[in-house]
């Protein structure tokens, strides 16, 4: 066993070898939630909208859930991001979404920020990995180095360097430079939070460039957050909480799942396959198909049961090969 087994999943063949395997094409969320760990489920329908020829194109150009837009400092609502997400997530329709998004108000970089729910789950999993895998199995840690003494932190936020582990065996950590991280309790913290960004580029982000379609109103030049950045930001929250500073927590732009959502997501990887009319055999779900199903879970269960947690995130149960008894009991990260 290696420490990166934490991120392993069964193959399609292994899922088909479960005690029972049943197919379904309706009531998808309910059918997935009711799967036992030793059962397999095959989704017998297409999840990606017909007007997208590939899952990748859907993730680039599909419909997003827009958080409230403001174009001046006077217009920006002084609501915590989690409250804005609650309002937006509670208003979604019964359709396929590819992400949620928010838009900067100040600064040079006005690119729309896009956040995939799958990346939120994967980022949370990386964060749990560094707290649940024994240190003897490797070096699972997220290192935070803030630069908070620089001039302009009150107006532009802090710059913070974070080292985040890869999910690939023997891969070096990613060095991520965050910018526009709110750490000061003032009237600009909401605007600063909307401008958060980083210099991070991984394989997932490398091919996320896109071209604007005629019906899109906002710029085609967008900023896509990935799991490494989300895991890094959770570590930033920890760092400042240890110094009695809850501003990065209050201004967190990333939807952190509940244990219920983690359990659902694990079922997608460990129990579910899909067989569309184009597939000869049942196959593993793509990230885009998981994204559609996560939005379906929100539609069915609501924001607070899916992405408003009061639990100790470090102790989340993930299905993997690392024994549960290695979970460390440290100060819990509770989003409230």
Protein backbone atom coordinates (compact mmCIF):
# COMPACT_ATOMS: atom_id res chain seq x y z
CA UNK A 1 0.00 0.00 0.00
CA UNK A 2 1.21 3.50 -0.78
CA UNK A 3 -0.05 6.80 0.60
CA UNK A 4 -1.56 7.72 -2.78
CA UNK A 5 -3.92 4.73 -2.53
CA UNK A 6 -6.07 7.25 -0.69
CA UNK A 7 -7.14 8.48 -4.16
CA UNK A 8 -7.64 5.09 -5.81
CA UNK A 9 -11.00 3.85 -7.12
CA UNK A 10 -12.18 0.49 -8.48
CA UNK A 11 -12.23 -0.13 -12.22
CA UNK A 12 -15.42 -0.57 -14.22
CA UNK A 13 -14.86 -4.32 -14.22
CA UNK A 14 -14.47 -4.38 -10.44
CA UNK A 15 -17.73 -2.47 -10.04
CA UNK A 16 -19.49 -4.91 -12.38
CA UNK A 17 -18.24 -7.72 -10.11
CA UNK A 18 -20.24 -6.39 -7.14
CA UNK A 19 -22.72 -8.73 -5.47
CA UNK A 20 -25.59 -7.15 -7.40
CA UNK A 21 -25.59 -4.68 -10.27
CA UNK A 22 -28.76 -2.93 -11.39
CA UNK A 23 -29.51 -0.41 -14.08
CA UNK A 24 -31.70 2.69 -13.82
CA UNK A 25 -32.52 5.73 -15.96
CA UNK A 26 -34.82 7.72 -13.68
CA UNK A 27 -34.78 9.06 -10.12
CA UNK A 28 -31.00 9.13 -10.45
CA UNK A 29 -30.13 10.86 -7.18
CA UNK A 30 -32.41 8.62 -5.10
CA UNK A 31 -31.16 5.46 -6.80
CA UNK A 32 -27.53 6.45 -6.22
CA UNK A 33 -28.12 7.39 -2.58
CA UNK A 34 -29.75 4.00 -1.92
CA UNK A 35 -26.85 1.93 -3.28
CA UNK A 36 -25.11 -0.24 -0.68
CA UNK A 37 -21.32 -0.43 -0.70
CA UNK A 38 -21.42 -3.92 -2.24
CA UNK A 39 -23.88 -2.96 -4.98
CA UNK A 40 -23.23 -1.59 -8.44
CA UNK A 41 -25.45 0.80 -10.35
CA UNK A 42 -25.46 1.54 -14.08
CA UNK A 43 -26.96 4.84 -15.22
CA UNK A 44 -28.66 4.06 -18.53
CA UNK A 45 -29.03 7.52 -20.01
CA UNK A 46 -27.02 10.51 -21.24
CA UNK A 47 -26.19 13.20 -18.68
CA UNK A 48 -24.39 15.74 -20.87
CA UNK A 49 -26.81 18.03 -22.76
CA UNK A 50 -27.26 17.11 -26.42
CA UNK A 51 -25.93 20.45 -27.70
CA UNK A 52 -22.42 19.58 -26.46
CA UNK A 53 -20.50 17.03 -28.49
CA UNK A 54 -18.00 16.28 -25.70
CA UNK A 55 -17.91 16.39 -21.91
CA UNK A 56 -14.91 18.72 -22.06
CA UNK A 57 -16.82 21.22 -24.19
CA UNK A 58 -19.71 21.10 -21.73
CA UNK A 59 -17.37 21.91 -18.83
CA UNK A 60 -16.04 24.89 -20.78
CA UNK A 61 -19.27 26.26 -22.19
CA UNK A 62 -22.10 24.75 -20.17
CA UNK A 63 -24.44 26.84 -18.07
CA UNK A 64 -23.01 28.06 -14.77
CA UNK A 65 -24.74 29.07 -11.55
CA UNK A 66 -23.99 32.77 -11.21
CA UNK A 67 -23.43 34.25 -7.78
CA UNK A 68 -24.63 37.88 -7.47
CA UNK A 69 -22.76 40.26 -9.78
CA UNK A 70 -21.61 43.72 -8.73
CA UNK A 71 -19.73 46.22 -10.87
CA UNK A 72 -18.83 48.90 -8.34
CA UNK A 73 -17.82 48.89 -4.68
CA UNK A 74 -21.12 50.58 -3.87
CA UNK A 75 -23.08 47.73 -5.46
CA UNK A 76 -21.29 44.83 -3.79
CA UNK A 77 -23.42 43.15 -1.15
CA UNK A 78 -21.81 42.72 2.25
CA UNK A 79 -22.89 39.10 2.47
CA UNK A 80 -20.56 36.23 3.25
CA UNK A 81 -19.86 34.07 0.18
CA UNK A 82 -21.57 31.08 1.78
CA UNK A 83 -24.78 33.13 2.05
CA UNK A 84 -24.50 34.11 -1.59
CA UNK A 85 -24.01 30.46 -2.53
CA UNK A 86 -27.02 29.47 -0.45
CA UNK A 87 -29.23 31.92 -2.34
CA UNK A 88 -27.85 30.93 -5.76
CA UNK A 89 -27.86 27.17 -5.12
CA UNK A 90 -31.41 27.32 -3.78
CA UNK A 91 -32.58 28.89 -7.05
CA UNK A 92 -31.21 26.32 -9.49
CA UNK A 93 -33.48 24.62 -11.97
CA UNK A 94 -33.64 20.95 -12.84
CA UNK A 95 -30.93 21.10 -15.51
CA UNK A 96 -27.25 20.35 -16.09
CA UNK A 97 -24.77 22.88 -14.69
CA UNK A 98 -21.00 22.84 -15.18
CA UNK A 99 -19.91 25.07 -12.24
CA UNK A 100 -20.75 28.16 -10.25
CA UNK A 101 -19.08 31.50 -10.81
CA UNK A 102 -18.39 34.89 -9.26
CA UNK A 103 -16.87 38.03 -10.68
CA UNK A 104 -14.25 40.51 -9.40
CA UNK A 105 -15.24 44.10 -8.71
CA UNK A 106 -11.82 45.71 -8.25
CA UNK A 107 -8.29 45.06 -9.51
CA UNK A 108 -6.69 44.54 -12.91
CA UNK A 109 -7.73 40.90 -13.28
CA UNK A 110 -11.47 41.03 -13.98
CA UNK A 111 -11.74 37.45 -15.25
CA UNK A 112 -14.83 35.56 -14.11
CA UNK A 113 -13.91 32.99 -11.45
CA UNK A 114 -15.40 29.53 -12.06
CA UNK A 115 -15.58 26.74 -9.48
CA UNK A 116 -16.56 23.15 -10.26
CA UNK A 117 -18.27 21.12 -7.53
CA UNK A 118 -16.13 18.12 -8.49
CA UNK A 119 -13.02 20.20 -7.82
CA UNK A 120 -14.50 21.23 -4.45
CA UNK A 121 -14.89 17.54 -3.55
CA UNK A 122 -11.43 16.65 -4.80
CA UNK A 123 -9.88 19.62 -3.01
CA UNK A 124 -11.55 18.60 0.23
CA UNK A 125 -10.25 15.08 -0.30
CA UNK A 126 -6.66 16.32 -0.70
CA UNK A 127 -7.09 18.33 2.51
CA UNK A 128 -8.35 15.21 4.33
CA UNK A 129 -5.51 13.16 2.86
CA UNK A 130 -2.84 15.26 4.56
CA UNK A 131 -4.57 14.78 7.92
CA UNK A 132 -5.52 11.11 7.62
CA UNK A 133 -2.55 9.36 6.00
CA UNK A 134 0.25 8.34 8.39
CA UNK A 135 3.36 10.46 8.05
CA UNK A 136 5.45 7.29 7.67
CA UNK A 137 3.69 6.65 4.35
CA UNK A 138 5.13 9.78 2.80
CA UNK A 139 5.01 13.50 3.39
CA UNK A 140 1.32 14.41 3.26
CA UNK A 141 1.25 18.02 4.35
CA UNK A 142 0.17 21.41 3.03
CA UNK A 143 2.68 24.11 3.87
CA UNK A 144 1.51 27.72 4.18
CA UNK A 145 3.85 30.71 3.95
CA UNK A 146 2.00 34.05 4.13
CA UNK A 147 3.38 37.43 3.15
CA UNK A 148 1.12 39.61 5.25
CA UNK A 149 3.45 42.50 6.06
CA UNK A 150 3.49 43.89 2.55
CA UNK A 151 2.06 47.33 1.90
CA UNK A 152 -1.49 47.30 0.58
CA UNK A 153 -2.73 44.14 2.31
CA UNK A 154 -5.71 46.08 3.66
CA UNK A 155 -6.75 47.17 0.15
CA UNK A 156 -5.59 44.30 -2.03
CA UNK A 157 -5.39 41.26 0.22
CA UNK A 158 -2.43 39.08 1.14
CA UNK A 159 -0.09 37.04 -1.04
CA UNK A 160 0.37 33.52 0.30
CA UNK A 161 2.58 30.68 -0.93
CA UNK A 162 1.17 27.19 -0.41
CA UNK A 163 2.75 23.81 -1.17
CA UNK A 164 0.09 21.20 -1.96
CA UNK A 165 0.73 17.49 -2.57
CA UNK A 166 -0.07 15.83 -5.86
CA UNK A 167 -2.46 12.89 -6.06
CA UNK A 168 0.05 11.05 -8.28
CA UNK A 169 2.67 8.71 -6.88
CA UNK A 170 6.18 10.23 -6.70
CA UNK A 171 4.96 13.58 -8.02
CA UNK A 172 6.42 16.66 -6.35
CA UNK A 173 4.25 19.13 -4.47
CA UNK A 174 2.71 22.03 -6.34
CA UNK A 175 3.90 25.48 -5.31
CA UNK A 176 0.93 27.83 -5.53
CA UNK A 177 1.10 31.60 -5.08
CA UNK A 178 -2.29 32.95 -3.99
CA UNK A 179 -3.15 36.60 -4.36
CA UNK A 180 -6.02 38.71 -3.07
CA UNK A 181 -6.60 36.67 0.08
CA UNK A 182 -8.67 38.74 2.53
CA UNK A 183 -7.17 38.77 6.02
CA UNK A 184 -8.21 42.21 7.34
CA UNK A 185 -11.66 42.95 8.74
CA UNK A 186 -12.62 46.06 6.77
CA UNK A 187 -15.16 47.23 4.18
CA UNK A 188 -13.00 45.93 1.31
CA UNK A 189 -12.86 42.29 2.36
CA UNK A 190 -15.85 41.34 0.17
CA UNK A 191 -14.34 42.91 -2.93
CA UNK A 192 -10.94 41.37 -2.17
CA UNK A 193 -12.50 37.91 -1.82
CA UNK A 194 -14.09 38.22 -5.27
CA UNK A 195 -10.66 38.85 -6.81
CA UNK A 196 -8.89 35.82 -5.35
CA UNK A 197 -6.58 34.05 -7.78
CA UNK A 198 -3.30 32.19 -8.10
CA UNK A 199 -0.46 31.41 -10.51
CA UNK A 200 -1.12 27.67 -10.37
CA UNK A 201 -1.10 25.59 -13.55
CA UNK A 202 -1.54 21.82 -13.47
CA UNK A 203 -2.62 19.36 -16.17
CA UNK A 204 -6.25 19.87 -15.25
CA UNK A 205 -6.00 23.64 -15.73
CA UNK A 206 -3.62 23.65 -18.67
CA UNK A 207 -6.30 22.90 -21.24
CA UNK A 208 -9.12 24.96 -19.75
CA UNK A 209 -8.79 27.82 -22.26
CA UNK A 210 -12.06 28.52 -24.01
CA UNK A 211 -13.61 30.63 -26.73
CA UNK A 212 -16.71 32.70 -26.15
CA UNK A 213 -19.87 31.45 -27.83
CA UNK A 214 -22.23 34.02 -29.41
CA UNK A 215 -24.83 33.75 -26.62
CA UNK A 216 -22.36 34.31 -23.77
CA UNK A 217 -22.46 37.78 -22.19
CA UNK A 218 -19.26 37.60 -20.13
CA UNK A 219 -15.70 37.36 -21.40
CA UNK A 220 -14.33 34.07 -22.66
CA UNK A 221 -11.20 34.70 -20.59
CA UNK A 222 -12.05 33.01 -17.29
CA UNK A 223 -10.17 31.71 -14.25
CA UNK A 224 -10.91 28.07 -13.32
CA UNK A 225 -10.03 26.92 -9.81
CA UNK A 226 -8.83 23.35 -9.32
CA UNK A 227 -8.62 20.88 -6.45
CA UNK A 228 -5.04 21.85 -5.53
CA UNK A 229 -6.02 25.48 -5.01
CA UNK A 230 -9.10 24.56 -2.98
CA UNK A 231 -7.07 22.25 -0.73
CA UNK A 232 -4.49 25.02 -0.35
CA UNK A 233 -7.13 27.54 0.65
CA UNK A 234 -8.47 25.19 3.34
CA UNK A 235 -4.95 25.09 4.76
CA UNK A 236 -4.84 28.90 4.65
CA UNK A 237 -8.05 28.96 6.70
CA UNK A 238 -6.38 26.66 9.24
CA UNK A 239 -3.28 28.84 9.41
CA UNK A 240 -5.18 32.02 10.17
CA UNK A 241 -7.67 30.34 12.51
CA UNK A 242 -4.69 29.29 14.63
CA UNK A 243 -3.93 33.03 14.95
CA UNK A 244 -7.55 33.87 15.84
CA UNK A 245 -8.19 35.39 12.42
CA UNK A 246 -11.40 34.06 10.85
CA UNK A 247 -11.52 36.42 7.86
CA UNK A 248 -10.24 33.85 5.31
CA UNK A 249 -12.90 31.44 6.63
CA UNK A 250 -15.70 34.00 6.47
CA UNK A 251 -14.67 35.08 2.97
CA UNK A 252 -14.14 31.55 1.64
CA UNK A 253 -15.33 31.30 -1.99
CA UNK A 254 -15.22 27.50 -2.19
CA UNK A 255 -18.22 25.27 -1.51
CA UNK A 256 -17.14 22.76 1.14
CA UNK A 257 -19.19 19.54 1.11
CA UNK A 258 -20.94 17.85 4.00
CA UNK A 259 -20.31 14.22 4.87
CA UNK A 260 -23.57 13.41 3.07
CA UNK A 261 -22.17 14.88 -0.14
CA UNK A 262 -18.85 13.07 0.33
CA UNK A 263 -20.75 9.79 0.68
CA UNK A 264 -22.69 10.53 -2.50
CA UNK A 265 -19.50 11.44 -4.36
CA UNK A 266 -17.82 8.23 -3.19
CA UNK A 267 -20.72 6.23 -4.60
CA UNK A 268 -20.14 7.86 -7.98
CA UNK A 269 -16.57 6.54 -8.00
CA UNK A 270 -16.99 3.21 -6.19
CA UNK A 271 -20.45 1.99 -7.17
CA UNK A 272 -21.64 3.78 -10.31
CA UNK A 273 -21.10 3.28 -14.01
CA UNK A 274 -22.84 4.81 -17.00
CA UNK A 275 -23.94 3.38 -20.34
CA UNK A 276 -25.16 5.91 -22.89
CA UNK A 277 -26.39 4.98 -26.39
CA UNK A 278 -22.85 5.69 -27.63
CA UNK A 279 -21.24 3.24 -25.18
CA UNK A 280 -20.78 -0.43 -25.98
CA UNK A 281 -20.18 -1.30 -22.33
CA UNK A 282 -20.77 0.39 -18.97
CA UNK A 283 -17.92 2.75 -18.13
CA UNK A 284 -16.75 4.98 -15.30
CA UNK A 285 -18.37 8.39 -14.97
CA UNK A 286 -16.47 11.37 -16.33
CA UNK A 287 -15.83 14.45 -14.22
CA UNK A 288 -18.49 16.31 -16.20
CA UNK A 289 -21.09 13.62 -15.50
CA UNK A 290 -20.23 13.69 -11.81
CA UNK A 291 -20.65 17.47 -11.90
CA UNK A 292 -24.16 17.16 -13.32
CA UNK A 293 -25.11 14.64 -10.63
CA UNK A 294 -23.73 16.81 -7.81
CA UNK A 295 -25.96 19.67 -8.94
CA UNK A 296 -28.81 17.17 -9.00
CA UNK A 297 -28.04 16.30 -5.40
CA UNK A 298 -28.25 20.00 -4.45
CA UNK A 299 -31.56 20.31 -6.27
CA UNK A 300 -32.96 17.35 -4.35
CA UNK A 301 -31.45 17.96 -0.89
CA UNK A 302 -30.83 21.72 -0.76
CA UNK A 303 -27.72 23.78 -0.11
CA UNK A 304 -27.41 23.31 3.65
CA UNK A 305 -27.54 19.49 3.57
CA UNK A 306 -24.96 19.32 0.80
CA UNK A 307 -22.53 22.25 1.10
CA UNK A 308 -22.94 23.79 4.56
CA UNK A 309 -20.96 21.77 7.02
CA UNK A 310 -20.68 21.97 10.78
CA UNK A 311 -18.61 18.79 10.94
CA UNK A 312 -14.90 18.24 11.46
CA UNK A 313 -13.75 18.14 7.85
CA UNK A 314 -10.47 16.44 8.79
CA UNK A 315 -12.41 13.41 10.00
CA UNK A 316 -14.56 12.94 6.93
CA UNK A 317 -14.93 9.32 5.92
CA UNK A 318 -13.60 8.61 2.43
CA UNK A 319 -13.59 5.16 0.91
CA UNK A 320 -9.97 4.18 0.43
CA UNK A 321 -7.42 1.69 1.69
CA UNK A 322 -6.09 3.72 4.63
CA UNK A 323 -7.47 2.49 8.00
CA UNK A 324 -9.78 4.92 9.77
CA UNK A 325 -7.81 4.70 13.02
CA UNK A 326 -5.00 6.83 11.54
CA UNK A 327 -7.27 9.90 11.42
CA UNK A 328 -5.67 12.61 13.54
CA UNK A 329 -7.77 14.49 16.06
CA UNK A 330 -6.72 18.10 15.65
CA UNK A 331 -8.55 21.41 15.79
CA UNK A 332 -11.56 20.86 13.50
CA UNK A 333 -12.21 23.05 10.50
CA UNK A 334 -15.87 23.96 10.91
CA UNK A 335 -17.46 26.37 8.47
CA UNK A 336 -20.05 28.48 10.25
